[in-house]
C-alpha atoms as a PDB file:
ATOM      1  CA  MET A   1      -3.759 -36.939 -13.899  1.00  0.00           C
ATOM      2  CA  SER A   2      -3.418 -33.117 -13.876  1.00  0.00           C
ATOM      3  CA  ARG A   3      -2.074 -31.413 -16.992  1.00  0.00           C
ATOM      4  CA  LEU A   4      -1.042 -28.039 -18.391  1.00  0.00           C
ATOM      5  CA  ASP A   5      -3.004 -26.420 -21.211  1.00  0.00           C
ATOM      6  CA  ILE A   6      -3.753 -23.046 -22.798  1.00  0.00           C
ATOM      7  CA  ALA A   7      -7.127 -21.748 -21.593  1.00  0.00           C
ATOM      8  CA  ASP A   8     -10.039 -21.806 -24.008  1.00  0.00           C
ATOM      9  CA  SER A   9     -12.800 -19.169 -24.049  1.00  0.00           C
ATOM     10  CA  ILE A  10     -15.088 -21.096 -21.668  1.00  0.00           C
ATOM     11  CA  GLN A  11     -12.322 -21.662 -19.114  1.00  0.00           C
ATOM     12  CA  THR A  12     -11.272 -18.023 -19.373  1.00  0.00           C
ATOM     13  CA  GLU A  13     -14.823 -16.867 -18.688  1.00  0.00           C
ATOM     14  CA  VAL A  14     -15.054 -19.066 -15.590  1.00  0.00           C
ATOM     15  CA  ILE A  15     -11.724 -17.743 -14.250  1.00  0.00           C
ATOM     16  CA  TYR A  16     -12.623 -14.096 -14.839  1.00  0.00           C
ATOM     17  CA  HIS A  17     -15.989 -14.556 -13.145  1.00  0.00           C
ATOM     18  CA  GLU A  18     -14.342 -15.578  -9.864  1.00  0.00           C
ATOM     19  CA  SER A  19     -11.052 -13.647 -10.077  1.00  0.00           C
ATOM     20  CA  HIS A  20     -12.893 -10.354 -10.679  1.00  0.00           C
ATOM     21  CA  ALA A  21     -13.299  -9.995  -6.906  1.00  0.00           C
ATOM     22  CA  VAL A  22      -9.486 -10.024  -6.520  1.00  0.00           C
ATOM     23  CA  TRP A  23      -8.276  -8.092  -9.565  1.00  0.00           C
ATOM     24  CA  GLY A  24     -11.299  -6.151 -10.779  1.00  0.00           C
ATOM     25  CA  GLY A  25      -9.794  -2.885  -9.596  1.00  0.00           C
ATOM     26  CA  GLY A  26     -13.175  -1.213  -9.240  1.00  0.00           C
ATOM     27  CA  LEU A  27     -14.538  -2.398 -12.597  1.00  0.00           C
ATOM     28  CA  SER A  28     -17.817  -4.231 -12.928  1.00  0.00           C
ATOM     29  CA  SER A  29     -17.547  -7.910 -13.778  1.00  0.00           C
ATOM     30  CA  LEU A  30     -18.713  -7.180 -17.332  1.00  0.00           C
ATOM     31  CA  ASP A  31     -16.192  -4.369 -17.833  1.00  0.00           C
ATOM     32  CA  TYR A  32     -13.406  -6.439 -16.323  1.00  0.00           C
ATOM     33  CA  ARG A  33     -13.957  -9.240 -18.828  1.00  0.00           C
ATOM     34  CA  ALA A  34     -14.348  -6.792 -21.714  1.00  0.00           C
ATOM     35  CA  LEU A  35     -11.124  -5.049 -20.746  1.00  0.00           C
ATOM     36  CA  TRP A  36      -9.157  -8.266 -20.933  1.00  0.00           C
ATOM     37  CA  GLU A  37     -10.744  -9.203 -24.234  1.00  0.00           C
ATOM     38  CA  GLU A  38      -9.483  -5.907 -25.664  1.00  0.00           C
ATOM     39  CA  ILE A  39      -6.039  -6.247 -24.116  1.00  0.00           C
ATOM     40  CA  SER A  40      -5.691  -9.814 -25.395  1.00  0.00           C
ATOM     41  CA  SER A  41      -6.566  -8.729 -28.933  1.00  0.00           C
ATOM     42  CA  THR A  42      -3.630  -6.303 -29.262  1.00  0.00           C
ATOM     43  CA  THR A  43      -0.786  -7.252 -31.587  1.00  0.00           C
ATOM     44  CA  TRP A  44       1.696  -7.512 -28.717  1.00  0.00           C
ATOM     45  CA  ALA A  45      -0.600  -9.698 -26.588  1.00  0.00           C
ATOM     46  CA  ARG A  46      -1.370 -12.056 -29.466  1.00  0.00           C
ATOM     47  CA  LYS A  47       2.352 -12.674 -29.820  1.00  0.00           C
ATOM     48  CA  HIS A  48       3.539 -12.577 -26.227  1.00  0.00           C
ATOM     49  CA  LEU A  49       0.653 -13.296 -23.812  1.00  0.00           C
ATOM     50  CA  ARG A  50      -0.790 -16.714 -23.028  1.00  0.00           C
ATOM     51  CA  PHE A  51      -3.379 -17.787 -20.449  1.00  0.00           C
ATOM     52  CA  PHE A  52      -2.456 -21.168 -18.950  1.00  0.00           C
ATOM     53  CA  VAL A  53      -4.627 -23.508 -16.893  1.00  0.00           C
ATOM     54  CA  TRP A  54      -3.851 -26.514 -14.721  1.00  0.00           C
ATOM     55  CA  LEU A  55      -6.602 -29.042 -15.419  1.00  0.00           C
ATOM     56  CA  GLY A  56      -7.854 -31.946 -13.350  1.00  0.00           C
ATOM     57  CA  GLU A  57      -8.766 -35.413 -14.569  1.00  0.00           C
ATOM     58  CA  ARG A  58     -12.270 -34.292 -15.574  1.00  0.00           C
ATOM     59  CA  GLY A  59     -11.024 -31.132 -17.294  1.00  0.00           C
ATOM     60  CA  GLU A  60     -11.888 -28.841 -14.383  1.00  0.00           C
ATOM     61  CA  VAL A  61      -9.708 -25.725 -13.864  1.00  0.00           C
ATOM     62  CA  LEU A  62      -7.587 -26.269 -10.762  1.00  0.00           C
ATOM     63  CA  SER A  63      -5.455 -23.145 -11.171  1.00  0.00           C
ATOM     64  CA  SER A  64      -4.555 -20.555 -13.799  1.00  0.00           C
ATOM     65  CA  LEU A  65      -2.000 -17.857 -14.651  1.00  0.00           C
ATOM     66  CA  LYS A  66      -1.026 -15.433 -17.374  1.00  0.00           C
ATOM     67  CA  LEU A  67       2.396 -15.736 -18.983  1.00  0.00           C
ATOM     68  CA  TYR A  68       3.917 -12.653 -20.631  1.00  0.00           C
ATOM     69  CA  ARG A  69       7.114 -12.740 -22.697  1.00  0.00           C
ATOM     70  CA  PRO A  70       8.505  -9.211 -23.032  1.00  0.00           C
ATOM     71  CA  LEU A  71      12.069  -8.385 -23.928  1.00  0.00           C
ATOM     72  CA  VAL A  72      14.184  -8.076 -20.780  1.00  0.00           C
ATOM     73  CA  ARG A  73      17.790  -6.925 -20.600  1.00  0.00           C
ATOM     74  CA  THR A  74      20.098  -8.358 -17.945  1.00  0.00           C
ATOM     75  CA  GLY A  75      23.550  -6.867 -18.175  1.00  0.00           C
ATOM     76  CA  ASP A  76      24.437  -6.754 -21.887  1.00  0.00           C
ATOM     77  CA  SER A  77      22.035  -9.512 -22.939  1.00  0.00           C
ATOM     78  CA  THR A  78      18.450  -8.896 -24.143  1.00  0.00           C
ATOM     79  CA  THR A  79      16.092 -11.859 -24.611  1.00  0.00           C
ATOM     80  CA  ARG A  80      12.446 -12.819 -24.331  1.00  0.00           C
ATOM     81  CA  THR A  81      11.688 -13.564 -20.683  1.00  0.00           C
ATOM     82  CA  SER A  82       8.840 -15.419 -18.980  1.00  0.00           C
ATOM     83  CA  ILE A  83       6.908 -13.154 -16.625  1.00  0.00           C
ATOM     84  CA  ILE A  84       4.219 -14.844 -14.545  1.00  0.00           C
ATOM     85  CA  GLY A  85       1.127 -12.903 -13.513  1.00  0.00           C
ATOM     86  CA  ALA A  86      -2.385 -13.362 -12.127  1.00  0.00           C
ATOM     87  CA  VAL A  87      -1.828 -16.734 -10.472  1.00  0.00           C
ATOM     88  CA  PHE A  88      -5.328 -17.754  -9.370  1.00  0.00           C
ATOM     89  CA  THR A  89      -6.843 -20.890  -7.849  1.00  0.00           C
ATOM     90  CA  PRO A  90     -10.642 -21.239  -7.540  1.00  0.00           C
ATOM     91  CA  ARG A  91     -11.707 -21.277  -3.899  1.00  0.00           C
ATOM     92  CA  ARG A  92     -12.815 -24.915  -3.851  1.00  0.00           C
ATOM     93  CA  HIS A  93      -9.387 -26.097  -5.095  1.00  0.00           C
ATOM     94  CA  ARG A  94      -7.130 -24.049  -2.823  1.00  0.00           C
ATOM     95  CA  ARG A  95      -4.472 -25.386  -0.431  1.00  0.00           C
ATOM     96  CA  GLN A  96      -3.951 -28.518  -2.522  1.00  0.00           C
ATOM     97  CA  GLY A  97      -0.735 -27.486  -4.287  1.00  0.00           C
ATOM     98  CA  HIS A  98      -2.317 -26.769  -7.670  1.00  0.00           C
ATOM     99  CA  ALA A  99      -0.866 -23.265  -8.114  1.00  0.00           C
ATOM    100  CA  ALA A 100       2.643 -24.494  -7.299  1.00  0.00           C
ATOM    101  CA  ALA A 101       2.267 -27.400  -9.733  1.00  0.00           C
ATOM    102  CA  LEU A 102       1.076 -24.979 -12.426  1.00  0.00           C
ATOM    103  CA  VAL A 103       3.980 -22.561 -11.896  1.00  0.00           C
ATOM    104  CA  ARG A 104       6.495 -25.427 -12.036  1.00  0.00           C
ATOM    105  CA  ALA A 105       4.949 -26.776 -15.231  1.00  0.00           C
ATOM    106  CA  VAL A 106       4.990 -23.356 -16.901  1.00  0.00           C
ATOM    107  CA  LEU A 107       8.610 -22.774 -15.861  1.00  0.00           C
ATOM    108  CA  ALA A 108       9.597 -26.180 -17.259  1.00  0.00           C
ATOM    109  CA  ARG A 109       7.904 -25.221 -20.540  1.00  0.00           C
ATOM    110  CA  SER A 110       9.717 -21.876 -20.594  1.00  0.00           C
ATOM    111  CA  ARG A 111      13.065 -23.539 -19.904  1.00  0.00           C
ATOM    112  CA  LYS A 112      12.496 -26.001 -22.729  1.00  0.00           C
ATOM    113  CA  ARG A 113      11.617 -23.103 -25.016  1.00  0.00           C
ATOM    114  CA  GLY A 114      14.978 -21.510 -24.219  1.00  0.00           C
ATOM    115  CA  ASP A 115      14.008 -18.729 -21.788  1.00  0.00           C
ATOM    116  CA  ARG A 116      16.910 -17.955 -19.474  1.00  0.00           C
ATOM    117  CA  LEU A 117      14.988 -16.470 -16.560  1.00  0.00           C
ATOM    118  CA  SER A 118      11.529 -15.786 -15.152  1.00  0.00           C
ATOM    119  CA  LEU A 119      10.104 -12.814 -13.271  1.00  0.00           C
ATOM    120  CA  LEU A 120       6.952 -12.114 -11.298  1.00  0.00           C
ATOM    121  CA  PHE A 121       5.539  -9.346  -9.094  1.00  0.00           C
ATOM    122  CA  SER A 122       4.193 -10.725  -5.823  1.00  0.00           C
ATOM    123  CA  ASP A 123       1.341  -9.212  -3.804  1.00  0.00           C
ATOM    124  CA  ILE A 124       1.564 -11.944  -1.151  1.00  0.00           C
ATOM    125  CA  GLY A 125       5.065 -11.384   0.183  1.00  0.00           C
ATOM    126  CA  THR A 126       8.090 -13.431  -0.841  1.00  0.00           C
ATOM    127  CA  ALA A 127       7.870 -16.684   1.121  1.00  0.00           C
ATOM    128  CA  TYR A 128       5.517 -18.625  -1.176  1.00  0.00           C
ATOM    129  CA  TYR A 129       7.370 -17.889  -4.410  1.00  0.00           C
ATOM    130  CA  GLY A 130      10.679 -18.231  -2.605  1.00  0.00           C
ATOM    131  CA  ARG A 131       9.822 -21.896  -2.088  1.00  0.00           C
ATOM    132  CA  LEU A 132       9.418 -22.137  -5.875  1.00  0.00           C
ATOM    133  CA  GLY A 133      12.937 -20.841  -6.472  1.00  0.00           C
ATOM    134  CA  PHE A 134      12.261 -17.109  -6.920  1.00  0.00           C
ATOM    135  CA  HIS A 135      14.558 -14.515  -5.333  1.00  0.00           C
ATOM    136  CA  PRO A 136      13.215 -11.079  -4.313  1.00  0.00           C
ATOM    137  CA  LEU A 137      14.807  -8.038  -5.916  1.00  0.00           C
ATOM    138  CA  PRO A 138      15.300  -4.964  -3.707  1.00  0.00           C
ATOM    139  CA  ALA A 139      12.437  -2.524  -4.288  1.00  0.00           C
ATOM    140  CA  GLU A 140      11.150   0.523  -2.430  1.00  0.00           C
ATOM    141  CA  GLU A 141       8.029   2.656  -2.348  1.00  0.00           C
ATOM    142  CA  GLN A 142       7.731   6.280  -1.253  1.00  0.00           C
ATOM    143  CA  TRP A 143       4.861   8.282   0.171  1.00  0.00           C
ATOM    144  CA  GLY A 144       4.157  11.544   1.954  1.00  0.00           C
ATOM    145  CA  SER A 145       2.538  14.972   1.634  1.00  0.00           C
ATOM    146  CA  LEU A 146       2.833  17.057  -1.501  1.00  0.00           C
ATOM    147  CA  PRO A 147       4.703  20.309  -0.788  1.00  0.00           C
ATOM    148  CA  ARG A 148       3.184  23.656  -1.682  1.00  0.00           C
ATOM    149  CA  PRO A 149       4.674  24.670  -5.071  1.00  0.00           C
ATOM    150  CA  PRO A 150       6.896  27.758  -5.265  1.00  0.00           C
ATOM    151  CA  ALA A 151       5.331  30.978  -6.481  1.00  0.00           C
ATOM    152  CA  ALA A 152       8.017  31.566  -9.118  1.00  0.00           C
ATOM    153  CA  VAL A 153       7.987  29.410 -12.251  1.00  0.00           C
ATOM    154  CA  ASP A 154      11.033  28.592 -14.364  1.00  0.00           C
ATOM    155  CA  ARG A 155       9.806  29.758 -17.750  1.00  0.00           C
ATOM    156  CA  VAL A 156      12.188  27.582 -19.765  1.00  0.00           C
ATOM    157  CA  TRP A 157      10.102  24.549 -18.746  1.00  0.00           C
ATOM    158  CA  HIS A 158       6.679  23.665 -20.139  1.00  0.00           C
ATOM    159  CA  LEU A 159       4.236  20.827 -19.518  1.00  0.00           C
ATOM    160  CA  ARG A 160       1.582  19.410 -21.803  1.00  0.00           C
ATOM    161  CA  ILE A 161      -0.423  16.215 -22.157  1.00  0.00           C
ATOM    162  CA  ALA A 162       1.329  13.643 -24.364  1.00  0.00           C
ATOM    163  CA  GLY A 163       0.021  12.889 -27.841  1.00  0.00           C
ATOM    164  CA  ALA A 164       0.544  10.086 -30.350  1.00  0.00           C
ATOM    165  CA  ASP A 165       3.435  11.995 -31.940  1.00  0.00           C
ATOM    166  CA  ASP A 166       5.394  11.768 -28.678  1.00  0.00           C
ATOM    167  CA  LEU A 167       5.707   7.975 -28.714  1.00  0.00           C
ATOM    168  CA  VAL A 168       9.150   7.788 -30.336  1.00  0.00           C
ATOM    169  CA  SER A 169      10.593  10.397 -27.959  1.00  0.00           C
ATOM    170  CA  MET A 170       9.071   8.590 -24.970  1.00  0.00           C
ATOM    171  CA  GLN A 171      10.559   5.293 -26.143  1.00  0.00           C
ATOM    172  CA  ARG A 172      14.011   6.851 -26.318  1.00  0.00           C
ATOM    173  CA  ALA A 173      13.625   8.435 -22.895  1.00  0.00           C
ATOM    174  CA  HIS A 174      12.579   5.119 -21.358  1.00  0.00           C
ATOM    175  CA  GLU A 175      15.573   3.373 -22.945  1.00  0.00           C
ATOM    176  CA  ALA A 176      17.987   6.043 -21.711  1.00  0.00           C
ATOM    177  CA  SER A 177      16.563   6.006 -18.196  1.00  0.00           C
ATOM    178  CA  SER A 178      16.717   2.194 -18.027  1.00  0.00           C
ATOM    179  CA  ARG A 179      20.289   1.961 -19.309  1.00  0.00           C
ATOM    180  CA  PRO A 180      22.043   2.214 -15.882  1.00  0.00           C
ATOM    181  CA  ARG A 181      19.986  -0.681 -14.460  1.00  0.00           C
ATOM    182  CA  SER A 182      21.300  -4.236 -14.235  1.00  0.00           C
ATOM    183  CA  ILE A 183      17.861  -5.434 -15.287  1.00  0.00           C
ATOM    184  CA  ALA A 184      15.238  -3.631 -17.378  1.00  0.00           C
ATOM    185  CA  VAL A 185      12.182  -4.346 -19.516  1.00  0.00           C
ATOM    186  CA  VAL A 186      12.816  -3.321 -23.127  1.00  0.00           C
ATOM    187  CA  ARG A 187       9.696  -2.003 -24.879  1.00  0.00           C
ATOM    188  CA  ASP A 188       9.278  -2.093 -28.627  1.00  0.00           C
ATOM    189  CA  THR A 189       6.525  -0.049 -30.309  1.00  0.00           C
ATOM    190  CA  GLU A 190       3.948  -2.853 -30.060  1.00  0.00           C
ATOM    191  CA  HIS A 191       4.666  -3.207 -26.332  1.00  0.00           C
ATOM    192  CA  TRP A 192       4.194   0.545 -25.811  1.00  0.00           C
ATOM    193  CA  ARG A 193       0.835   0.398 -27.584  1.00  0.00           C
ATOM    194  CA  PHE A 194      -0.197  -2.577 -25.464  1.00  0.00           C
ATOM    195  CA  LEU A 195       0.589  -0.629 -22.281  1.00  0.00           C
ATOM    196  CA  GLY A 196      -1.184   2.476 -23.566  1.00  0.00           C
ATOM    197  CA  LEU A 197      -4.365   0.618 -24.445  1.00  0.00           C
ATOM    198  CA  ARG A 198      -4.328  -1.311 -21.148  1.00  0.00           C
ATOM    199  CA  SER A 199      -4.303   1.925 -19.139  1.00  0.00           C
ATOM    200  CA  GLN A 200      -6.626   3.867 -21.427  1.00  0.00           C
ATOM    201  CA  ARG A 201      -9.359   1.253 -21.497  1.00  0.00           C
ATOM    202  CA  PHE A 202      -9.155   0.640 -17.751  1.00  0.00           C
ATOM    203  CA  PHE A 203      -9.684   4.281 -16.838  1.00  0.00           C
ATOM    204  CA  GLU A 204     -12.389   4.687 -19.477  1.00  0.00           C
ATOM    205  CA  ARG A 205     -14.322   1.863 -17.832  1.00  0.00           C
ATOM    206  CA  LEU A 206     -13.645   2.820 -14.225  1.00  0.00           C
ATOM    207  CA  ASN A 207     -16.902   4.180 -12.880  1.00  0.00           C
ATOM    208  CA  GLU A 208     -15.399   6.457 -10.239  1.00  0.00           C
ATOM    209  CA  ARG A 209     -15.390  10.196 -10.716  1.00  0.00           C
ATOM    210  CA  GLY A 210     -12.175  12.105 -10.143  1.00  0.00           C
ATOM    211  CA  ILE A 211      -9.750   9.269 -10.894  1.00  0.00           C
ATOM    212  CA  ARG A 212      -7.692   9.698 -14.028  1.00  0.00           C
ATOM    213  CA  GLN A 213      -4.350   8.860 -15.543  1.00  0.00           C
ATOM    214  CA  ARG A 214      -2.249  11.678 -16.984  1.00  0.00           C
ATOM    215  CA  VAL A 215       0.750  11.319 -19.265  1.00  0.00           C
ATOM    216  CA  TRP A 216       2.747  14.537 -19.138  1.00  0.00           C
ATOM    217  CA  VAL A 217       5.433  15.617 -21.573  1.00  0.00           C
ATOM    218  CA  ALA A 218       7.992  18.109 -20.285  1.00  0.00           C
ATOM    219  CA  SER A 219       9.962  20.341 -22.629  1.00  0.00           C
ATOM    220  CA  ARG A 220      12.882  22.654 -21.904  1.00  0.00           C
ATOM    221  CA  ASP A 221      13.419  25.548 -24.304  1.00  0.00           C
ATOM    222  CA  ASP A 222      10.779  23.881 -26.520  1.00  0.00           C
ATOM    223  CA  ALA A 223      12.776  20.631 -26.787  1.00  0.00           C
ATOM    224  CA  PHE A 224      11.414  17.296 -25.486  1.00  0.00           C
ATOM    225  CA  ALA A 225      13.068  16.601 -22.139  1.00  0.00           C
ATOM    226  CA  GLY A 226      11.075  13.702 -20.707  1.00  0.00           C
ATOM    227  CA  TYR A 227       7.712  12.441 -19.554  1.00  0.00           C
ATOM    228  CA  LEU A 228       5.851  11.476 -16.391  1.00  0.00           C
ATOM    229  CA  ILE A 229       2.896   9.117 -15.987  1.00  0.00           C
ATOM    230  CA  SER A 230       0.666   9.565 -12.943  1.00  0.00           C
ATOM    231  CA  VAL A 231      -2.740   8.625 -11.600  1.00  0.00           C
ATOM    232  CA  GLU A 232      -4.772  11.210  -9.713  1.00  0.00           C
ATOM    233  CA  GLY A 233      -7.722  10.674  -7.416  1.00  0.00           C
ATOM    234  CA  ARG A 234      -8.972  10.237  -3.847  1.00  0.00           C
ATOM    235  CA  GLY A 235      -6.723  13.104  -2.799  1.00  0.00           C
ATOM    236  CA  GLU A 236      -3.558  11.307  -3.931  1.00  0.00           C
ATOM    237  CA  TRP A 237      -1.041  11.811  -6.716  1.00  0.00           C
ATOM    238  CA  SER A 238       0.518   8.464  -7.690  1.00  0.00           C
ATOM    239  CA  VAL A 239       3.659   8.538  -9.830  1.00  0.00           C
ATOM    240  CA  ARG A 240       3.931   5.522 -12.108  1.00  0.00           C
ATOM    241  CA  GLU A 241       6.889   6.399 -14.298  1.00  0.00           C
ATOM    242  CA  VAL A 242       9.317   9.202 -15.060  1.00  0.00           C
ATOM    243  CA  ALA A 243      11.980   9.170 -17.757  1.00  0.00           C
ATOM    244  CA  THR A 244      14.202  11.688 -19.521  1.00  0.00           C
ATOM    245  CA  VAL A 245      16.052  11.944 -22.813  1.00  0.00           C
ATOM    246  CA  GLY A 246      19.464  11.498 -21.189  1.00  0.00           C
ATOM    247  CA  GLY A 247      18.351   9.500 -18.159  1.00  0.00           C
ATOM    248  CA  ASP A 248      19.597  12.299 -15.884  1.00  0.00           C
ATOM    249  CA  PRO A 249      18.234  12.030 -12.295  1.00  0.00           C
ATOM    250  CA  ARG A 250      18.253  15.815 -11.813  1.00  0.00           C
ATOM    251  CA  THR A 251      16.070  16.308 -14.870  1.00  0.00           C
ATOM    252  CA  MET A 252      13.740  13.583 -13.567  1.00  0.00           C
ATOM    253  CA  ALA A 253      13.498  15.401 -10.234  1.00  0.00           C
ATOM    254  CA  THR A 254      12.696  18.658 -12.035  1.00  0.00           C
ATOM    255  CA  ILE A 255       9.905  17.011 -14.041  1.00  0.00           C
ATOM    256  CA  ILE A 256       8.513  15.444 -10.864  1.00  0.00           C
ATOM    257  CA  ARG A 257       8.435  18.859  -9.185  1.00  0.00           C
ATOM    258  CA  LEU A 258       6.705  20.470 -12.182  1.00  0.00           C
ATOM    259  CA  CYS A 259       4.016  17.781 -12.318  1.00  0.00           C
ATOM    260  CA  ALA A 260       3.642  17.769  -8.525  1.00  0.00           C
ATOM    261  CA  ALA A 261       2.836  21.487  -8.687  1.00  0.00           C
ATOM    262  CA  GLU A 262       0.038  20.713 -11.162  1.00  0.00           C
ATOM    263  CA  ALA A 263      -1.237  17.980  -8.851  1.00  0.00           C
ATOM    264  CA  TYR A 264      -1.215  20.380  -5.888  1.00  0.00           C
ATOM    265  CA  ARG A 265      -3.173  22.942  -7.899  1.00  0.00           C
ATOM    266  CA  SER A 266      -5.685  20.144  -8.567  1.00  0.00           C
ATOM    267  CA  ARG A 267      -6.151  19.942  -4.765  1.00  0.00           C
ATOM    268  CA  LEU A 268      -4.215  16.712  -4.300  1.00  0.00           C
ATOM    269  CA  ARG A 269      -2.260  16.686  -1.058  1.00  0.00           C
ATOM    270  CA  ARG A 270      -0.717  13.217  -0.773  1.00  0.00           C
ATOM    271  CA  PHE A 271       1.633  11.307  -3.038  1.00  0.00           C
ATOM    272  CA  TYR A 272       2.628   7.697  -3.533  1.00  0.00           C
ATOM    273  CA  ALA A 273       5.440   6.668  -5.862  1.00  0.00           C
ATOM    274  CA  TRP A 274       8.081   4.216  -6.952  1.00  0.00           C
ATOM    275  CA  PHE A 275      10.819   6.808  -7.426  1.00  0.00           C
ATOM    276  CA  PRO A 276      14.272   5.675  -8.563  1.00  0.00           C
ATOM    277  CA  SER A 277      16.452   5.856  -5.451  1.00  0.00           C
ATOM    278  CA  GLU A 278      18.854   8.344  -7.024  1.00  0.00           C
ATOM    279  CA  VAL A 279      15.910  10.648  -7.771  1.00  0.00           C
ATOM    280  CA  ALA A 280      14.328  10.348  -4.326  1.00  0.00           C
ATOM    281  CA  VAL A 281      17.449  11.794  -2.664  1.00  0.00           C
ATOM    282  CA  LEU A 282      17.093  14.887  -4.866  1.00  0.00           C
ATOM    283  CA  LEU A 283      13.631  15.476  -3.367  1.00  0.00           C
ATOM    284  CA  ALA A 284      14.887  15.590   0.230  1.00  0.00           C
ATOM    285  CA  ASP A 285      12.905  18.742   0.985  1.00  0.00           C
ATOM    286  CA  TRP A 286       9.693  16.746   0.478  1.00  0.00           C
ATOM    287  CA  ARG A 287      10.338  14.764   3.685  1.00  0.00           C
ATOM    288  CA  ILE A 288       9.703  11.561   1.806  1.00  0.00           C
ATOM    289  CA  ARG A 289       8.884   8.422   3.742  1.00  0.00           C
ATOM    290  CA  SER A 290      10.298   5.289   2.195  1.00  0.00           C
ATOM    291  CA  GLY A 291      10.238   1.574   2.850  1.00  0.00           C
ATOM    292  CA  PRO A 292      10.422  -1.865   1.233  1.00  0.00           C
ATOM    293  CA  ARG A 293       7.663  -2.341  -1.299  1.00  0.00           C
ATOM    294  CA  ARG A 294       4.600  -4.030   0.221  1.00  0.00           C
ATOM    295  CA  ARG A 295       2.996  -5.076  -3.057  1.00  0.00           C
ATOM    296  CA  ALA A 296       4.171  -5.940  -6.563  1.00  0.00           C
ATOM    297  CA  ILE A 297       7.490  -7.118  -5.112  1.00  0.00           C
ATOM    298  CA  PRO A 298       9.721  -8.103  -8.061  1.00  0.00           C
ATOM    299  CA  MET A 299      11.125 -11.625  -7.871  1.00  0.00           C
ATOM    300  CA  ILE A 300      13.448 -13.425 -10.258  1.00  0.00           C
ATOM    301  CA  ARG A 301      14.309 -17.042 -10.955  1.00  0.00           C
ATOM    302  CA  PRO A 302      17.089 -18.211 -13.276  1.00  0.00           C
ATOM    303  CA  LEU A 303      15.990 -20.911 -15.711  1.00  0.00           C
ATOM    304  CA  SER A 304      19.464 -21.720 -16.973  1.00  0.00           C
ATOM    305  CA  GLY A 305      22.845 -22.019 -15.297  1.00  0.00           C
ATOM    306  CA  SER A 306      24.212 -19.114 -17.336  1.00  0.00           C
ATOM    307  CA  ILE A 307      22.261 -16.470 -15.397  1.00  0.00           C
ATOM    308  CA  GLU A 308      23.942 -15.044 -12.316  1.00  0.00           C
ATOM    309  CA  LEU A 309      22.149 -12.914  -9.734  1.00  0.00           C
ATOM    310  CA  GLU A 310      25.275 -10.865  -9.097  1.00  0.00           C
ATOM    311  CA  GLY A 311      24.630  -7.149  -9.508  1.00  0.00           C
ATOM    312  CA  LEU A 312      20.949  -7.537  -8.641  1.00  0.00           C
ATOM    313  CA  ASP A 313      21.320  -6.824  -4.932  1.00  0.00           C
ATOM    314  CA  SER A 314      20.710  -3.061  -4.826  1.00  0.00           C
ATOM    315  CA  VAL A 315      17.618  -0.894  -5.263  1.00  0.00           C
ATOM    316  CA  ALA A 316      19.389   1.288  -7.836  1.00  0.00           C
ATOM    317  CA  ALA A 317      20.385  -1.697  -9.981  1.00  0.00           C
ATOM    318  CA  THR A 318      16.994  -3.392  -9.958  1.00  0.00           C
ATOM    319  CA  TYR A 319      14.546  -0.472 -10.157  1.00  0.00           C
ATOM    320  CA  ILE A 320      11.589  -1.470 -12.366  1.00  0.00           C
ATOM    321  CA  PRO A 321       8.905   1.234 -12.856  1.00  0.00           C
ATOM    322  CA  TYR A 322       5.222   0.627 -12.205  1.00  0.00           C
ATOM    323  CA  GLN A 323       4.342   0.480 -15.904  1.00  0.00           C
ATOM    324  CA  ASP A 324       6.624  -2.535 -16.362  1.00  0.00           C
ATOM    325  CA  GLN A 325       4.916  -4.779 -13.824  1.00  0.00           C
ATOM    326  CA  PHE A 326       2.577  -7.547 -14.996  1.00  0.00           C
END
């Protein structure tokens, strides 16, 4: 009889060996496994990340997933929430219902533990997880050509690369920018450090010249105004997150323009982003193309009768930045 268990080191090694082809992201197999060993050793991951396996009668791994439990706010309530990621079934066990059985078992465990809802970010469309009770949240992506920056520069604004001393200000900016949303991931300091190490170690190991992540801090009249996280490479500027002290969309748009000018000067000519919808309209002169998100589609499933999906039917209400996906 199949059963749910937490993966041991041998099972984890077997899963990473095969799943590297799907989620390696350009890393070698060795670097991919080392990256996850480092990520899993962080304080936040030790508390809030578990690797589950669905085992057959002989103890063979039939399917696996990672379960994260960050703080998530829905409306006025903030609780630990089950977020499912990296659902993977070895090739020889596919199309036998093992992944679905694993997800159901993990959700039943989360419900028993008291979690009120579950989230995931689907790269395979919405139909499969829809059959497991998940509802897609509206989400958009934007892309286009970077405009040539203006010759004149507003001298009250300054950009620099973020340092460790900026963490508290960045936390506050993220909180302020998330406040208008009906749903948002709430990051404590340990969560921020987990995200920082995950990105840092990935790009350190990525053996591809010209690809880098940059975390910009923008100041106005020498006061912290906000930050922007982007990835540059292959001719493209990819915006992963923008936030401001007051959560003001116009300030976000200004910071995006300032950082876009730096990207253009670095000879990048295309952009890809998950802009908040209220910010995208302030960049109308960019001739932005926009459409429903094709990957990392957020989906939600209530685990208790007390959670309503009302208010989660608009892009503005359910915007979740790239850094908050799992």
